[in-house]
Amino acid sequence: MLENSSRGVWAIVHEKRHIEKIDSKSVIRAVREMEKKERLDVKRADTEGAPGDDILEEARSWREELHHILTHEI
């Protein structure tokens, strides 16, 4: 339903604008799966010496905001 055209920019996909109700449990599940994947990626990057803490914190921030918007404001 969403597209990320650039870093920090999210928009509802034009074809999905008609949807009026969202299953919040599905959103939570999807966000948690993405976070889990990111944590694994960051762990791998950390073992290779690449910085990952800033990326993880930034990702967590926008995801929390997105989750709030999808579950409370739409």
PDB file of N, CA and C in Angstrom:
ATOM      1  N   MET A   1       0.804  -1.198   0.000  1.00  0.00           N
ATOM      2  CA  MET A   1       0.000   0.000   0.000  1.00  0.00           C
ATOM      3  C   MET A   1       0.844   1.257   0.000  1.00  0.00           C
ATOM      4  N   LEU A   2       2.080   1.157   0.461  1.00  0.00           N
ATOM      5  CA  LEU A   2       2.930   2.334   0.532  1.00  0.00           C
ATOM      6  C   LEU A   2       4.110   2.195  -0.406  1.00  0.00           C
ATOM      7  N   GLU A   3       4.608   3.340  -0.827  1.00  0.00           N
ATOM      8  CA  GLU A   3       5.836   3.351  -1.603  1.00  0.00           C
ATOM      9  C   GLU A   3       6.799   4.317  -0.947  1.00  0.00           C
ATOM     10  N   ASN A   4       8.056   3.985  -1.038  1.00  0.00           N
ATOM     11  CA  ASN A   4       9.111   4.804  -0.459  1.00  0.00           C
ATOM     12  C   ASN A   4       9.904   5.362  -1.624  1.00  0.00           C
ATOM     13  N   SER A   5       9.513   6.549  -2.099  1.00  0.00           N
ATOM     14  CA  SER A   5      10.140   7.121  -3.286  1.00  0.00           C
ATOM     15  C   SER A   5      11.542   7.620  -3.006  1.00  0.00           C
ATOM     16  N   SER A   6      11.795   8.030  -1.785  1.00  0.00           N
ATOM     17  CA  SER A   6      13.137   8.416  -1.379  1.00  0.00           C
ATOM     18  C   SER A   6      13.224   8.304   0.133  1.00  0.00           C
ATOM     19  N   ARG A   7      14.393   8.433   0.659  1.00  0.00           N
ATOM     20  CA  ARG A   7      14.602   8.236   2.081  1.00  0.00           C
ATOM     21  C   ARG A   7      13.716   9.180   2.891  1.00  0.00           C
ATOM     22  N   GLY A   8      12.879   8.585   3.732  1.00  0.00           N
ATOM     23  CA  GLY A   8      12.012   9.366   4.598  1.00  0.00           C
ATOM     24  C   GLY A   8      10.733   9.867   3.945  1.00  0.00           C
ATOM     25  N   VAL A   9      10.510   9.509   2.683  1.00  0.00           N
ATOM     26  CA  VAL A   9       9.305   9.963   1.984  1.00  0.00           C
ATOM     27  C   VAL A   9       8.434   8.758   1.690  1.00  0.00           C
ATOM     28  N   TRP A  10       7.240   8.754   2.261  1.00  0.00           N
ATOM     29  CA  TRP A  10       6.295   7.652   2.080  1.00  0.00           C
ATOM     30  C   TRP A  10       5.000   8.195   1.514  1.00  0.00           C
ATOM     31  N   ALA A  11       4.372   7.427   0.657  1.00  0.00           N
ATOM     32  CA  ALA A  11       3.101   7.824   0.070  1.00  0.00           C
ATOM     33  C   ALA A  11       2.246   6.589  -0.171  1.00  0.00           C
ATOM     34  N   ILE A  12       0.943   6.790  -0.128  1.00  0.00           N
ATOM     35  CA  ILE A  12       0.025   5.693  -0.428  1.00  0.00           C
ATOM     36  C   ILE A  12       0.030   5.482  -1.939  1.00  0.00           C
ATOM     37  N   VAL A  13       0.187   4.238  -2.355  1.00  0.00           N
ATOM     38  CA  VAL A  13       0.192   3.896  -3.774  1.00  0.00           C
ATOM     39  C   VAL A  13      -1.152   4.296  -4.371  1.00  0.00           C
ATOM     40  N   HIS A  14      -1.097   4.934  -5.508  1.00  0.00           N
ATOM     41  CA  HIS A  14      -2.307   5.468  -6.133  1.00  0.00           C
ATOM     42  C   HIS A  14      -3.402   4.415  -6.276  1.00  0.00           C
ATOM     43  N   GLU A  15      -3.043   3.200  -6.672  1.00  0.00           N
ATOM     44  CA  GLU A  15      -4.029   2.146  -6.897  1.00  0.00           C
ATOM     45  C   GLU A  15      -4.700   1.693  -5.601  1.00  0.00           C
ATOM     46  N   LYS A  16      -4.132   2.024  -4.451  1.00  0.00           N
ATOM     47  CA  LYS A  16      -4.656   1.556  -3.160  1.00  0.00           C
ATOM     48  C   LYS A  16      -5.360   2.657  -2.370  1.00  0.00           C
ATOM     49  N   ARG A  17      -5.533   3.836  -2.933  1.00  0.00           N
ATOM     50  CA  ARG A  17      -6.134   4.953  -2.196  1.00  0.00           C
ATOM     51  C   ARG A  17      -7.592   4.713  -1.828  1.00  0.00           C
ATOM     52  N   HIS A  18      -8.231   3.779  -2.477  1.00  0.00           N
ATOM     53  CA  HIS A  18      -9.635   3.484  -2.183  1.00  0.00           C
ATOM     54  C   HIS A  18      -9.819   2.712  -0.879  1.00  0.00           C
ATOM     55  N   ILE A  19      -8.771   2.101  -0.371  1.00  0.00           N
ATOM     56  CA  ILE A  19      -8.861   1.296   0.846  1.00  0.00           C
ATOM     57  C   ILE A  19      -9.132   2.211   2.037  1.00  0.00           C
ATOM     58  N   GLU A  20     -10.170   1.896   2.775  1.00  0.00           N
ATOM     59  CA  GLU A  20     -10.563   2.735   3.898  1.00  0.00           C
ATOM     60  C   GLU A  20     -10.199   2.135   5.252  1.00  0.00           C
ATOM     61  N   LYS A  21      -9.979   0.833   5.282  1.00  0.00           N
ATOM     62  CA  LYS A  21      -9.697   0.176   6.546  1.00  0.00           C
ATOM     63  C   LYS A  21      -8.444  -0.692   6.396  1.00  0.00           C
ATOM     64  N   ILE A  22      -7.619  -0.701   7.444  1.00  0.00           N
ATOM     65  CA  ILE A  22      -6.372  -1.462   7.426  1.00  0.00           C
ATOM     66  C   ILE A  22      -6.369  -2.397   8.625  1.00  0.00           C
ATOM     67  N   ASP A  23      -5.922  -3.619   8.399  1.00  0.00           N
ATOM     68  CA  ASP A  23      -5.803  -4.584   9.480  1.00  0.00           C
ATOM     69  C   ASP A  23      -4.534  -4.267  10.264  1.00  0.00           C
ATOM     70  N   SER A  24      -4.677  -3.683  11.434  1.00  0.00           N
ATOM     71  CA  SER A  24      -3.521  -3.246  12.216  1.00  0.00           C
ATOM     72  C   SER A  24      -2.616  -4.409  12.610  1.00  0.00           C
ATOM     73  N   LYS A  25      -3.189  -5.580  12.817  1.00  0.00           N
ATOM     74  CA  LYS A  25      -2.367  -6.740  13.173  1.00  0.00           C
ATOM     75  C   LYS A  25      -1.435  -7.115  12.025  1.00  0.00           C
ATOM     76  N   SER A  26      -1.918  -6.996  10.803  1.00  0.00           N
ATOM     77  CA  SER A  26      -1.072  -7.277   9.639  1.00  0.00           C
ATOM     78  C   SER A  26       0.056  -6.271   9.530  1.00  0.00           C
ATOM     79  N   VAL A  27      -0.255  -5.018   9.814  1.00  0.00           N
ATOM     80  CA  VAL A  27       0.764  -3.968   9.769  1.00  0.00           C
ATOM     81  C   VAL A  27       1.832  -4.239  10.816  1.00  0.00           C
ATOM     82  N   ILE A  28       1.410  -4.542  12.023  1.00  0.00           N
ATOM     83  CA  ILE A  28       2.356  -4.820  13.105  1.00  0.00           C
ATOM     84  C   ILE A  28       3.225  -6.010  12.754  1.00  0.00           C
ATOM     85  N   ARG A  29       2.610  -7.060  12.238  1.00  0.00           N
ATOM     86  CA  ARG A  29       3.357  -8.259  11.872  1.00  0.00           C
ATOM     87  C   ARG A  29       4.393  -7.939  10.787  1.00  0.00           C
ATOM     88  N   ALA A  30       3.982  -7.200   9.769  1.00  0.00           N
ATOM     89  CA  ALA A  30       4.893  -6.858   8.672  1.00  0.00           C
ATOM     90  C   ALA A  30       6.044  -5.987   9.160  1.00  0.00           C
ATOM     91  N   VAL A  31       5.746  -5.016  10.005  1.00  0.00           N
ATOM     92  CA  VAL A  31       6.793  -4.135  10.522  1.00  0.00           C
ATOM     93  C   VAL A  31       7.767  -4.927  11.382  1.00  0.00           C
ATOM     94  N   ARG A  32       7.256  -5.803  12.214  1.00  0.00           N
ATOM     95  CA  ARG A  32       8.141  -6.615  13.063  1.00  0.00           C
ATOM     96  C   ARG A  32       9.030  -7.528  12.226  1.00  0.00           C
ATOM     97  N   GLU A  33       8.490  -8.086  11.160  1.00  0.00           N
ATOM     98  CA  GLU A  33       9.300  -8.937  10.287  1.00  0.00           C
ATOM     99  C   GLU A  33      10.405  -8.125   9.619  1.00  0.00           C
ATOM    100  N   MET A  34      10.066  -6.911   9.174  1.00  0.00           N
ATOM    101  CA  MET A  34      11.083  -6.057   8.552  1.00  0.00           C
ATOM    102  C   MET A  34      12.155  -5.666   9.570  1.00  0.00           C
ATOM    103  N   GLU A  35      11.731  -5.346  10.798  1.00  0.00           N
ATOM    104  CA  GLU A  35      12.698  -4.993  11.836  1.00  0.00           C
ATOM    105  C   GLU A  35      13.613  -6.163  12.156  1.00  0.00           C
ATOM    106  N   LYS A  36      13.046  -7.353  12.209  1.00  0.00           N
ATOM    107  CA  LYS A  36      13.853  -8.547  12.495  1.00  0.00           C
ATOM    108  C   LYS A  36      14.902  -8.742  11.406  1.00  0.00           C
ATOM    109  N   LYS A  37      14.485  -8.575  10.156  1.00  0.00           N
ATOM    110  CA  LYS A  37      15.422  -8.714   9.049  1.00  0.00           C
ATOM    111  C   LYS A  37      16.512  -7.650   9.137  1.00  0.00           C
ATOM    112  N   GLU A  38      16.139  -6.436   9.465  1.00  0.00           N
ATOM    113  CA  GLU A  38      17.132  -5.373   9.588  1.00  0.00           C
ATOM    114  C   GLU A  38      18.117  -5.649  10.712  1.00  0.00           C
ATOM    115  N   ARG A  39      17.600  -6.148  11.844  1.00  0.00           N
ATOM    116  CA  ARG A  39      18.503  -6.467  12.950  1.00  0.00           C
ATOM    117  C   ARG A  39      19.512  -7.526  12.541  1.00  0.00           C
ATOM    118  N   LEU A  40      19.058  -8.537  11.807  1.00  0.00           N
ATOM    119  CA  LEU A  40      19.980  -9.562  11.327  1.00  0.00           C
ATOM    120  C   LEU A  40      21.003  -8.968  10.363  1.00  0.00           C
ATOM    121  N   ASP A  41      20.551  -8.081   9.479  1.00  0.00           N
ATOM    122  CA  ASP A  41      21.464  -7.436   8.543  1.00  0.00           C
ATOM    123  C   ASP A  41      22.493  -6.579   9.280  1.00  0.00           C
ATOM    124  N   VAL A  42      22.033  -5.871  10.314  1.00  0.00           N
ATOM    125  CA  VAL A  42      22.942  -5.020  11.086  1.00  0.00           C
ATOM    126  C   VAL A  42      23.952  -5.873  11.836  1.00  0.00           C
ATOM    127  N   LYS A  43      23.487  -6.994  12.393  1.00  0.00           N
ATOM    128  CA  LYS A  43      24.420  -7.891  13.087  1.00  0.00           C
ATOM    129  C   LYS A  43      25.508  -8.381  12.131  1.00  0.00           C
ATOM    130  N   ARG A  44      25.086  -8.758  10.925  1.00  0.00           N
ATOM    131  CA  ARG A  44      26.062  -9.204   9.934  1.00  0.00           C
ATOM    132  C   ARG A  44      27.032  -8.084   9.589  1.00  0.00           C
ATOM    133  N   ALA A  45      26.511  -6.885   9.419  1.00  0.00           N
ATOM    134  CA  ALA A  45      27.353  -5.736   9.077  1.00  0.00           C
ATOM    135  C   ALA A  45      28.309  -5.416  10.221  1.00  0.00           C
ATOM    136  N   ASP A  46      27.833  -5.522  11.467  1.00  0.00           N
ATOM    137  CA  ASP A  46      28.686  -5.242  12.623  1.00  0.00           C
ATOM    138  C   ASP A  46      29.839  -6.239  12.705  1.00  0.00           C
ATOM    139  N   THR A  47      29.592  -7.478  12.376  1.00  0.00           N
ATOM    140  CA  THR A  47      30.660  -8.465  12.430  1.00  0.00           C
ATOM    141  C   THR A  47      31.690  -8.213  11.329  1.00  0.00           C
ATOM    142  N   GLU A  48      31.257  -7.489  10.296  1.00  0.00           N
ATOM    143  CA  GLU A  48      32.179  -7.141   9.226  1.00  0.00           C
ATOM    144  C   GLU A  48      32.815  -5.775   9.461  1.00  0.00           C
ATOM    145  N   GLY A  49      32.471  -5.117  10.572  1.00  0.00           N
ATOM    146  CA  GLY A  49      33.070  -3.841  10.902  1.00  0.00           C
ATOM    147  C   GLY A  49      32.353  -2.634  10.328  1.00  0.00           C
ATOM    148  N   ALA A  50      31.188  -2.812   9.745  1.00  0.00           N
ATOM    149  CA  ALA A  50      30.442  -1.685   9.186  1.00  0.00           C
ATOM    150  C   ALA A  50      29.566  -1.053  10.262  1.00  0.00           C
ATOM    151  N   PRO A  51      29.416   0.280  10.237  1.00  0.00           N
ATOM    152  CA  PRO A  51      28.553   0.918  11.237  1.00  0.00           C
ATOM    153  C   PRO A  51      27.094   0.555  11.003  1.00  0.00           C
ATOM    154  N   GLY A  52      26.358   0.239  12.069  1.00  0.00           N
ATOM    155  CA  GLY A  52      24.973  -0.160  11.898  1.00  0.00           C
ATOM    156  C   GLY A  52      24.023   0.446  12.906  1.00  0.00           C
ATOM    157  N   ASP A  53      24.546   0.942  14.036  1.00  0.00           N
ATOM    158  CA  ASP A  53      23.677   1.455  15.086  1.00  0.00           C
ATOM    159  C   ASP A  53      22.863   2.658  14.631  1.00  0.00           C
ATOM    160  N   ASP A  54      23.490   3.586  13.911  1.00  0.00           N
ATOM    161  CA  ASP A  54      22.765   4.768  13.444  1.00  0.00           C
ATOM    162  C   ASP A  54      21.670   4.386  12.471  1.00  0.00           C
ATOM    163  N   ILE A  55      21.951   3.453  11.601  1.00  0.00           N
ATOM    164  CA  ILE A  55      20.976   3.012  10.609  1.00  0.00           C
ATOM    165  C   ILE A  55      19.793   2.339  11.307  1.00  0.00           C
ATOM    166  N   LEU A  56      20.086   1.487  12.275  1.00  0.00           N
ATOM    167  CA  LEU A  56      19.027   0.782  12.994  1.00  0.00           C
ATOM    168  C   LEU A  56      18.138   1.767  13.740  1.00  0.00           C
ATOM    169  N   GLU A  57      18.738   2.741  14.427  1.00  0.00           N
ATOM    170  CA  GLU A  57      17.954   3.723  15.178  1.00  0.00           C
ATOM    171  C   GLU A  57      17.097   4.573  14.250  1.00  0.00           C
ATOM    172  N   GLU A  58      17.638   4.979  13.118  1.00  0.00           N
ATOM    173  CA  GLU A  58      16.868   5.773  12.161  1.00  0.00           C
ATOM    174  C   GLU A  58      15.713   4.950  11.591  1.00  0.00           C
ATOM    175  N   ALA A  59      15.962   3.694  11.267  1.00  0.00           N
ATOM    176  CA  ALA A  59      14.914   2.826  10.737  1.00  0.00           C
ATOM    177  C   ALA A  59      13.828   2.615  11.774  1.00  0.00           C
ATOM    178  N   ARG A  60      14.214   2.417  13.028  1.00  0.00           N
ATOM    179  CA  ARG A  60      13.240   2.217  14.097  1.00  0.00           C
ATOM    180  C   ARG A  60      12.355   3.462  14.231  1.00  0.00           C
ATOM    181  N   SER A  61      12.948   4.642  14.121  1.00  0.00           N
ATOM    182  CA  SER A  61      12.208   5.886  14.272  1.00  0.00           C
ATOM    183  C   SER A  61      11.120   6.032  13.216  1.00  0.00           C
ATOM    184  N   TRP A  62      11.449   5.857  11.932  1.00  0.00           N
ATOM    185  CA  TRP A  62      10.428   6.035  10.900  1.00  0.00           C
ATOM    186  C   TRP A  62       9.417   4.912  10.934  1.00  0.00           C
ATOM    187  N   ARG A  63       9.845   3.737  11.335  1.00  0.00           N
ATOM    188  CA  ARG A  63       8.898   2.627  11.408  1.00  0.00           C
ATOM    189  C   ARG A  63       7.878   2.850  12.521  1.00  0.00           C
ATOM    190  N   GLU A  64       8.347   3.369  13.652  1.00  0.00           N
ATOM    191  CA  GLU A  64       7.410   3.664  14.735  1.00  0.00           C
ATOM    192  C   GLU A  64       6.414   4.728  14.297  1.00  0.00           C
ATOM    193  N   GLU A  65       6.890   5.737  13.598  1.00  0.00           N
ATOM    194  CA  GLU A  65       5.993   6.780  13.114  1.00  0.00           C
ATOM    195  C   GLU A  65       5.005   6.222  12.088  1.00  0.00           C
ATOM    196  N   LEU A  66       5.488   5.402  11.164  1.00  0.00           N
ATOM    197  CA  LEU A  66       4.621   4.791  10.169  1.00  0.00           C
ATOM    198  C   LEU A  66       3.567   3.917  10.841  1.00  0.00           C
ATOM    199  N   HIS A  67       3.987   3.117  11.795  1.00  0.00           N
ATOM    200  CA  HIS A  67       3.055   2.254  12.514  1.00  0.00           C
ATOM    201  C   HIS A  67       1.975   3.095  13.191  1.00  0.00           C
ATOM    202  N   HIS A  68       2.365   4.183  13.838  1.00  0.00           N
ATOM    203  CA  HIS A  68       1.394   5.057  14.500  1.00  0.00           C
ATOM    204  C   HIS A  68       0.395   5.622  13.494  1.00  0.00           C
ATOM    205  N   ILE A  69       0.879   6.095  12.369  1.00  0.00           N
ATOM    206  CA  ILE A  69      -0.002   6.667  11.345  1.00  0.00           C
ATOM    207  C   ILE A  69      -0.971   5.621  10.826  1.00  0.00           C
ATOM    208  N   LEU A  70      -0.478   4.440  10.519  1.00  0.00           N
ATOM    209  CA  LEU A  70      -1.324   3.390   9.948  1.00  0.00           C
ATOM    210  C   LEU A  70      -2.345   2.848  10.939  1.00  0.00           C
ATOM    211  N   THR A  71      -1.988   2.820  12.211  1.00  0.00           N
ATOM    212  CA  THR A  71      -2.895   2.216  13.180  1.00  0.00           C
ATOM    213  C   THR A  71      -3.763   3.211  13.932  1.00  0.00           C
ATOM    214  N   HIS A  72      -3.400   4.476  13.913  1.00  0.00           N
ATOM    215  CA  HIS A  72      -4.163   5.451  14.693  1.00  0.00           C
ATOM    216  C   HIS A  72      -4.755   6.592  13.880  1.00  0.00           C
ATOM    217  N   GLU A  73      -4.118   6.962  12.791  1.00  0.00           N
ATOM    218  CA  GLU A  73      -4.561   8.160  12.077  1.00  0.00           C
ATOM    219  C   GLU A  73      -5.336   7.885  10.795  1.00  0.00           C
ATOM    220  N   ILE A  74      -5.179   6.706  10.228  1.00  0.00           N
ATOM    221  CA  ILE A  74      -5.881   6.424   8.974  1.00  0.00           C
ATOM    222  C   ILE A  74      -7.250   5.853   9.290  1.00  0.00           C
TER     223      ILE A  74
END
